Amino acid sequence: MNGSSMPAARTQNLRVLEGRFVLERVSDVRTVALESDLLALVLGPDGGAAMRRDDMAEDGWAALWNGDDAHDPEATGMLSAIVAPLAAGGLPVWTAASYDGDLVLVPSDRLEEAVDVLRRAGHQVAV
């Protein structure tokens, strides 16, 4: 294998998390309430974003999680193996990572479509 070759990421086990989530812009981290509805808080040069559970949200997102089978933080291609088929299918995503896995959010009204796309890409998805 030459240095430019990249091994194919293995198929993954994902599960859909219960509930629906919303994305919020964060301009000041001190204003973020660290409560049980907080799924992820990502800080960046722009301030950041918070992912919160809100089952009543009309424009909510569904969350997929691949961390039940934790992968090594140095494993390559894990997130792209999930996001690439979704992008090819025209599905928007938001992502965040923890130590053991990745959160991939898709519009809740397109969850069934996203699950189908991921299964056709070889992934196992528990709904």
Protein backbone atom coordinates (compact mmCIF):
# COMPACT_ATOMS: atom_id res chain seq x y z
CA MET A 1 0.00 0.00 0.00
CA ASN A 2 1.43 3.40 -0.92
CA GLY A 3 1.31 6.44 1.34
CA SER A 4 -1.66 7.97 -0.47
CA SER A 5 -3.94 4.97 0.01
CA MET A 6 -6.47 5.12 2.77
CA PRO A 7 -7.97 1.96 4.25
CA ALA A 8 -11.74 1.74 3.94
CA ALA A 9 -13.54 2.43 7.18
CA ARG A 10 -15.40 -0.54 8.54
CA THR A 11 -19.12 -0.61 8.70
CA GLN A 12 -20.50 0.56 12.01
CA ASN A 13 -23.30 -0.06 14.43
CA LEU A 14 -25.39 3.04 15.02
CA ARG A 15 -28.47 3.66 17.05
CA VAL A 16 -31.01 6.43 16.96
CA LEU A 17 -31.14 8.29 20.26
CA GLU A 18 -34.51 8.92 21.82
CA GLY A 19 -36.01 12.36 21.28
CA ARG A 20 -35.53 15.26 18.95
CA PHE A 21 -32.84 17.90 19.18
CA VAL A 22 -32.34 21.56 18.31
CA LEU A 23 -29.19 23.46 17.50
CA GLU A 24 -28.46 26.77 19.19
CA ARG A 25 -25.73 29.30 18.48
CA VAL A 26 -23.58 29.96 21.56
CA SER A 27 -21.87 33.32 21.80
CA ASP A 28 -20.99 33.13 25.50
CA VAL A 29 -20.38 29.73 27.08
CA ARG A 30 -21.26 31.16 30.51
CA THR A 31 -24.90 31.40 29.38
CA VAL A 32 -25.20 27.67 28.59
CA ALA A 33 -27.17 25.75 31.21
CA LEU A 34 -25.52 22.39 31.80
CA GLU A 35 -28.74 20.45 32.20
CA SER A 36 -29.86 16.96 31.23
CA ASP A 37 -31.31 18.17 27.90
CA LEU A 38 -27.83 19.19 26.67
CA LEU A 39 -26.53 16.60 24.21
CA ALA A 40 -23.37 18.38 23.07
CA LEU A 41 -21.61 21.69 23.44
CA VAL A 42 -19.03 22.56 20.82
CA LEU A 43 -16.83 25.63 21.20
CA GLY A 44 -15.01 27.23 18.33
CA PRO A 45 -13.67 30.56 17.16
CA ASP A 46 -17.25 31.72 16.48
CA GLY A 47 -18.41 30.94 20.02
CA GLY A 48 -19.95 27.60 19.27
CA ALA A 49 -23.12 25.54 19.20
CA ALA A 50 -25.24 23.61 21.65
CA MET A 51 -27.33 20.57 20.79
CA ARG A 52 -30.30 20.28 23.13
CA ARG A 53 -33.18 17.85 23.38
CA ASP A 54 -36.51 19.44 22.52
CA ASP A 55 -39.15 16.87 21.57
CA MET A 56 -41.63 19.62 20.66
CA ALA A 57 -39.39 21.36 18.12
CA GLU A 58 -40.98 21.65 14.69
CA ASP A 59 -37.59 21.74 12.98
CA GLY A 60 -35.92 19.18 15.23
CA TRP A 61 -33.06 16.88 14.41
CA ALA A 62 -32.69 13.15 15.09
CA ALA A 63 -29.41 11.91 16.57
CA LEU A 64 -27.50 8.82 15.54
CA TRP A 65 -24.73 7.50 17.81
CA ASN A 66 -21.91 5.12 16.88
CA GLY A 67 -20.17 5.03 20.27
CA ASP A 68 -21.76 1.89 21.71
CA ASP A 69 -18.92 0.05 19.95
CA ALA A 70 -16.25 2.57 20.89
CA HIS A 71 -13.54 3.10 18.31
CA ASP A 72 -9.97 4.17 18.85
CA PRO A 73 -9.66 7.97 18.65
CA GLU A 74 -6.93 7.46 16.04
CA ALA A 75 -9.12 5.29 13.79
CA THR A 76 -9.39 6.91 10.38
CA GLY A 77 -12.47 7.32 8.24
CA MET A 78 -15.03 6.49 10.92
CA LEU A 79 -17.06 9.69 10.67
CA SER A 80 -16.64 10.02 6.92
CA ALA A 81 -18.00 6.48 6.46
CA ILE A 82 -21.26 7.76 7.95
CA VAL A 83 -21.36 11.30 6.61
CA ALA A 84 -20.29 10.56 3.01
CA PRO A 85 -23.31 8.38 2.13
CA LEU A 86 -25.64 10.88 3.79
CA ALA A 87 -24.10 13.73 1.79
CA ALA A 88 -24.36 11.69 -1.41
CA GLY A 89 -28.04 11.24 -0.60
CA GLY A 90 -28.53 14.98 -0.18
CA LEU A 91 -29.09 14.80 3.58
CA PRO A 92 -27.79 17.68 5.73
CA VAL A 93 -25.93 16.72 8.90
CA TRP A 94 -24.56 18.25 12.07
CA THR A 95 -21.85 16.35 13.92
CA ALA A 96 -20.10 16.32 17.27
CA ALA A 97 -17.67 13.82 18.73
CA SER A 98 -17.02 12.48 22.17
CA TYR A 99 -14.13 10.28 23.20
CA ASP A 100 -15.81 6.99 22.28
CA GLY A 101 -17.91 7.93 19.31
CA ASP A 102 -19.68 10.39 17.10
CA LEU A 103 -23.07 12.07 17.12
CA VAL A 104 -24.57 12.60 13.69
CA LEU A 105 -27.74 14.65 13.54
CA VAL A 106 -30.11 14.58 10.56
CA PRO A 107 -33.40 16.44 10.11
CA SER A 108 -35.98 14.43 12.06
CA ASP A 109 -38.42 14.49 9.16
CA ARG A 110 -35.78 12.71 7.04
CA LEU A 111 -34.71 10.10 9.60
CA GLU A 112 -36.25 7.16 7.75
CA GLU A 113 -34.44 8.22 4.58
CA ALA A 114 -31.14 8.59 6.47
CA VAL A 115 -31.50 5.13 8.05
CA ASP A 116 -32.15 3.62 4.61
CA VAL A 117 -29.09 5.36 3.13
CA LEU A 118 -26.86 4.18 5.99
CA ARG A 119 -28.11 0.59 5.78
CA ARG A 120 -27.49 0.52 2.03
CA ALA A 121 -23.93 1.71 2.81
CA GLY A 122 -23.48 -1.39 4.98
CA HIS A 123 -24.09 0.06 8.44
CA GLN A 124 -26.36 -1.48 11.06
CA VAL A 125 -28.85 1.05 12.43
CA ALA A 126 -31.07 0.36 15.47
CA VAL A 127 -34.14 2.55 15.55
